[in-house]
């Protein structure tokens, strides 16, 4: 039988901030290993996150203090959690009380995922409608060179 291990991930955006509050919450939850990054949430270069994701094994759980500490966007967050799920790794966010190791937590996360997809579809539809309206008025949509 494989033992579940809680692996923590903490991130702050600038060097003037520190991860102490997040780390204490993760330790209190039971994370013995905690990876920490100092990087803007929009940055793709987060070496400690990559290490954490590489370290995780089947039945482990990635734990964050808050959702926005993990993903650059809702789309990125969904990609990470879907990858974890495919690898049979759980995900927990302490602040939002999301836990994909439970049925209810999976439901909540899939609702987030569906809402994000709905938003992307609406943007695409509005863009197409705007381009069509511009074309109908004799204008060309898109970038002008």
C-alpha atoms as a PDB file:
ATOM      1  CA  UNK A   1       0.000   0.000   0.000  1.00  0.00           C
ATOM      2  CA  UNK A   2       1.257   3.467  -0.918  1.00  0.00           C
ATOM      3  CA  UNK A   3       1.165   6.136   1.774  1.00  0.00           C
ATOM      4  CA  UNK A   4      -0.307   9.509   0.873  1.00  0.00           C
ATOM      5  CA  UNK A   5       2.114  12.405   1.231  1.00  0.00           C
ATOM      6  CA  UNK A   6       1.003  16.029   1.454  1.00  0.00           C
ATOM      7  CA  UNK A   7       3.376  18.211  -0.576  1.00  0.00           C
ATOM      8  CA  UNK A   8       3.049  21.955  -0.059  1.00  0.00           C
ATOM      9  CA  UNK A   9       3.610  24.775  -2.509  1.00  0.00           C
ATOM     10  CA  UNK A  10       3.875  28.430  -1.473  1.00  0.00           C
ATOM     11  CA  UNK A  11       4.445  31.459  -3.674  1.00  0.00           C
ATOM     12  CA  UNK A  12       4.860  35.176  -3.188  1.00  0.00           C
ATOM     13  CA  UNK A  13       5.090  37.720  -5.982  1.00  0.00           C
ATOM     14  CA  UNK A  14       7.999  39.892  -4.851  1.00  0.00           C
ATOM     15  CA  UNK A  15      11.132  39.595  -2.737  1.00  0.00           C
ATOM     16  CA  UNK A  16       9.623  42.131  -0.294  1.00  0.00           C
ATOM     17  CA  UNK A  17       6.994  39.535   0.615  1.00  0.00           C
ATOM     18  CA  UNK A  18       7.626  36.264   2.393  1.00  0.00           C
ATOM     19  CA  UNK A  19       5.975  32.871   2.506  1.00  0.00           C
ATOM     20  CA  UNK A  20       5.891  32.524   6.308  1.00  0.00           C
ATOM     21  CA  UNK A  21       2.106  32.660   6.696  1.00  0.00           C
ATOM     22  CA  UNK A  22       1.561  30.173   3.846  1.00  0.00           C
ATOM     23  CA  UNK A  23       4.284  27.829   5.100  1.00  0.00           C
ATOM     24  CA  UNK A  24       2.860  27.803   8.639  1.00  0.00           C
ATOM     25  CA  UNK A  25      -0.604  26.919   7.304  1.00  0.00           C
ATOM     26  CA  UNK A  26       0.851  24.171   5.101  1.00  0.00           C
ATOM     27  CA  UNK A  27       2.900  22.753   7.987  1.00  0.00           C
ATOM     28  CA  UNK A  28      -0.142  22.835  10.281  1.00  0.00           C
ATOM     29  CA  UNK A  29      -2.064  20.902   7.632  1.00  0.00           C
ATOM     30  CA  UNK A  30       0.647  18.242   7.585  1.00  0.00           C
ATOM     31  CA  UNK A  31       2.958  19.092   4.711  1.00  0.00           C
ATOM     32  CA  UNK A  32       6.482  17.926   5.539  1.00  0.00           C
ATOM     33  CA  UNK A  33       7.894  19.017   2.191  1.00  0.00           C
ATOM     34  CA  UNK A  34       7.131  22.546   0.995  1.00  0.00           C
ATOM     35  CA  UNK A  35       8.372  24.119  -2.225  1.00  0.00           C
ATOM     36  CA  UNK A  36       8.569  27.934  -2.289  1.00  0.00           C
ATOM     37  CA  UNK A  37       8.801  30.360  -5.217  1.00  0.00           C
ATOM     38  CA  UNK A  38       9.202  34.114  -5.396  1.00  0.00           C
ATOM     39  CA  UNK A  39       7.701  35.002  -8.751  1.00  0.00           C
ATOM     40  CA  UNK A  40       4.801  36.919 -10.185  1.00  0.00           C
ATOM     41  CA  UNK A  41       1.723  34.772 -10.710  1.00  0.00           C
ATOM     42  CA  UNK A  42       1.854  35.665 -14.405  1.00  0.00           C
ATOM     43  CA  UNK A  43       5.373  34.279 -14.818  1.00  0.00           C
ATOM     44  CA  UNK A  44       5.814  30.878 -16.366  1.00  0.00           C
ATOM     45  CA  UNK A  45       9.272  30.444 -14.827  1.00  0.00           C
ATOM     46  CA  UNK A  46       8.556  28.954 -11.411  1.00  0.00           C
ATOM     47  CA  UNK A  47      11.307  26.385 -10.794  1.00  0.00           C
ATOM     48  CA  UNK A  48      10.055  25.264  -7.373  1.00  0.00           C
ATOM     49  CA  UNK A  49       6.582  24.563  -8.760  1.00  0.00           C
ATOM     50  CA  UNK A  50       8.158  22.413 -11.462  1.00  0.00           C
ATOM     51  CA  UNK A  51      10.152  20.560  -8.781  1.00  0.00           C
ATOM     52  CA  UNK A  52       6.999  20.014  -6.719  1.00  0.00           C
ATOM     53  CA  UNK A  53       5.076  18.713  -9.721  1.00  0.00           C
ATOM     54  CA  UNK A  54       7.964  16.385 -10.591  1.00  0.00           C
ATOM     55  CA  UNK A  55       8.239  15.097  -7.021  1.00  0.00           C
ATOM     56  CA  UNK A  56       4.564  14.153  -6.665  1.00  0.00           C
ATOM     57  CA  UNK A  57       3.676  10.466  -6.957  1.00  0.00           C
ATOM     58  CA  UNK A  58       0.419   8.553  -7.264  1.00  0.00           C
ATOM     59  CA  UNK A  59      -1.785   9.089  -4.168  1.00  0.00           C
ATOM     60  CA  UNK A  60       0.174  12.189  -3.042  1.00  0.00           C
ATOM     61  CA  UNK A  61      -1.653  15.498  -2.570  1.00  0.00           C
ATOM     62  CA  UNK A  62      -0.452  18.917  -3.708  1.00  0.00           C
ATOM     63  CA  UNK A  63      -1.533  21.464  -1.091  1.00  0.00           C
ATOM     64  CA  UNK A  64      -1.621  25.241  -1.499  1.00  0.00           C
ATOM     65  CA  UNK A  65      -2.713  27.938   0.904  1.00  0.00           C
ATOM     66  CA  UNK A  66      -4.862  29.641  -1.742  1.00  0.00           C
ATOM     67  CA  UNK A  67      -5.775  28.909  -5.382  1.00  0.00           C
ATOM     68  CA  UNK A  68      -4.096  32.022  -6.759  1.00  0.00           C
ATOM     69  CA  UNK A  69      -0.756  30.815  -5.389  1.00  0.00           C
ATOM     70  CA  UNK A  70      -0.729  27.957  -7.905  1.00  0.00           C
ATOM     71  CA  UNK A  71      -2.064  28.989 -11.323  1.00  0.00           C
ATOM     72  CA  UNK A  72      -1.293  31.984 -13.533  1.00  0.00           C
ATOM     73  CA  UNK A  73      -4.935  32.008 -14.611  1.00  0.00           C
ATOM     74  CA  UNK A  74      -7.999  29.849 -14.128  1.00  0.00           C
ATOM     75  CA  UNK A  75      -7.088  28.083 -17.362  1.00  0.00           C
ATOM     76  CA  UNK A  76      -3.565  27.336 -16.093  1.00  0.00           C
ATOM     77  CA  UNK A  77      -4.926  26.200 -12.738  1.00  0.00           C
ATOM     78  CA  UNK A  78      -7.344  23.814 -14.443  1.00  0.00           C
ATOM     79  CA  UNK A  79      -4.528  22.435 -16.612  1.00  0.00           C
ATOM     80  CA  UNK A  80      -2.403  21.718 -13.534  1.00  0.00           C
ATOM     81  CA  UNK A  81      -5.218  20.069 -11.587  1.00  0.00           C
ATOM     82  CA  UNK A  82      -6.317  18.012 -14.603  1.00  0.00           C
ATOM     83  CA  UNK A  83      -2.723  16.821 -15.009  1.00  0.00           C
ATOM     84  CA  UNK A  84      -2.615  15.891 -11.315  1.00  0.00           C
ATOM     85  CA  UNK A  85      -5.909  14.037 -11.617  1.00  0.00           C
ATOM     86  CA  UNK A  86      -4.623  12.073 -14.631  1.00  0.00           C
ATOM     87  CA  UNK A  87      -1.596  11.073 -12.539  1.00  0.00           C
ATOM     88  CA  UNK A  88      -3.917  10.054  -9.627  1.00  0.00           C
ATOM     89  CA  UNK A  89      -2.584  12.908  -7.459  1.00  0.00           C
ATOM     90  CA  UNK A  90      -4.927  14.936  -5.274  1.00  0.00           C
ATOM     91  CA  UNK A  91      -5.111  18.699  -4.888  1.00  0.00           C
ATOM     92  CA  UNK A  92      -6.155  20.763  -1.880  1.00  0.00           C
ATOM     93  CA  UNK A  93      -6.531  24.501  -1.442  1.00  0.00           C
ATOM     94  CA  UNK A  94      -6.767  25.373   2.237  1.00  0.00           C
ATOM     95  CA  UNK A  95      -8.403  28.812   1.975  1.00  0.00           C
ATOM     96  CA  UNK A  96     -11.125  27.852  -0.515  1.00  0.00           C
ATOM     97  CA  UNK A  97     -11.518  24.404   1.061  1.00  0.00           C
ATOM     98  CA  UNK A  98     -11.232  22.640  -2.297  1.00  0.00           C
ATOM     99  CA  UNK A  99     -10.201  19.011  -2.052  1.00  0.00           C
ATOM    100  CA  UNK A 100     -10.123  16.904  -5.212  1.00  0.00           C
ATOM    101  CA  UNK A 101      -9.570  13.787  -3.128  1.00  0.00           C
ATOM    102  CA  UNK A 102     -13.281  13.979  -2.227  1.00  0.00           C
ATOM    103  CA  UNK A 103     -16.316  13.708  -4.508  1.00  0.00           C
ATOM    104  CA  UNK A 104     -17.575  17.154  -3.491  1.00  0.00           C
ATOM    105  CA  UNK A 105     -14.190  18.747  -4.115  1.00  0.00           C
ATOM    106  CA  UNK A 106     -13.984  17.181  -7.559  1.00  0.00           C
ATOM    107  CA  UNK A 107     -17.464  18.519  -8.329  1.00  0.00           C
ATOM    108  CA  UNK A 108     -16.533  22.064  -7.280  1.00  0.00           C
ATOM    109  CA  UNK A 109     -13.369  21.979  -9.337  1.00  0.00           C
ATOM    110  CA  UNK A 110     -15.174  20.648 -12.414  1.00  0.00           C
ATOM    111  CA  UNK A 111     -17.749  23.422 -12.052  1.00  0.00           C
ATOM    112  CA  UNK A 112     -14.847  25.929 -12.065  1.00  0.00           C
ATOM    113  CA  UNK A 113     -13.523  24.213 -15.166  1.00  0.00           C
ATOM    114  CA  UNK A 114     -16.890  24.346 -16.912  1.00  0.00           C
ATOM    115  CA  UNK A 115     -17.293  28.046 -16.066  1.00  0.00           C
ATOM    116  CA  UNK A 116     -13.832  28.817 -17.440  1.00  0.00           C
ATOM    117  CA  UNK A 117     -14.645  26.992 -20.676  1.00  0.00           C
ATOM    118  CA  UNK A 118     -17.973  28.822 -20.887  1.00  0.00           C
ATOM    119  CA  UNK A 119     -16.139  32.160 -20.496  1.00  0.00           C
ATOM    120  CA  UNK A 120     -13.636  31.244 -23.248  1.00  0.00           C
ATOM    121  CA  UNK A 121     -16.521  30.265 -25.555  1.00  0.00           C
ATOM    122  CA  UNK A 122     -18.336  33.555 -24.890  1.00  0.00           C
ATOM    123  CA  UNK A 123     -15.213  35.561 -25.710  1.00  0.00           C
ATOM    124  CA  UNK A 124     -14.789  33.609 -28.945  1.00  0.00           C
ATOM    125  CA  UNK A 125     -18.451  34.171 -29.889  1.00  0.00           C
ATOM    126  CA  UNK A 126     -18.265  37.911 -29.114  1.00  0.00           C
ATOM    127  CA  UNK A 127     -15.095  38.224 -31.176  1.00  0.00           C
ATOM    128  CA  UNK A 128     -16.682  36.468 -34.160  1.00  0.00           C
ATOM    129  CA  UNK A 129     -19.808  38.633 -33.843  1.00  0.00           C
ATOM    130  CA  UNK A 130     -17.701  41.804 -33.675  1.00  0.00           C
ATOM    131  CA  UNK A 131     -15.687  40.822 -36.745  1.00  0.00           C
ATOM    132  CA  UNK A 132     -18.880  40.028 -38.657  1.00  0.00           C
ATOM    133  CA  UNK A 133     -20.468  43.351 -37.640  1.00  0.00           C
ATOM    134  CA  UNK A 134     -17.341  45.222 -38.763  1.00  0.00           C
ATOM    135  CA  UNK A 135     -17.327  43.336 -42.087  1.00  0.00           C
ATOM    136  CA  UNK A 136     -21.049  44.081 -42.601  1.00  0.00           C
ATOM    137  CA  UNK A 137     -20.219  47.792 -42.164  1.00  0.00           C
ATOM    138  CA  UNK A 138     -17.420  47.565 -44.708  1.00  0.00           C
ATOM    139  CA  UNK A 139     -14.603  47.558 -42.184  1.00  0.00           C
ATOM    140  CA  UNK A 140     -11.950  44.922 -41.843  1.00  0.00           C
ATOM    141  CA  UNK A 141     -11.568  43.510 -38.349  1.00  0.00           C
ATOM    142  CA  UNK A 142      -8.308  42.517 -36.773  1.00  0.00           C
ATOM    143  CA  UNK A 143      -4.996  44.286 -36.688  1.00  0.00           C
ATOM    144  CA  UNK A 144      -4.178  46.996 -39.151  1.00  0.00           C
ATOM    145  CA  UNK A 145      -0.678  46.823 -40.591  1.00  0.00           C
END
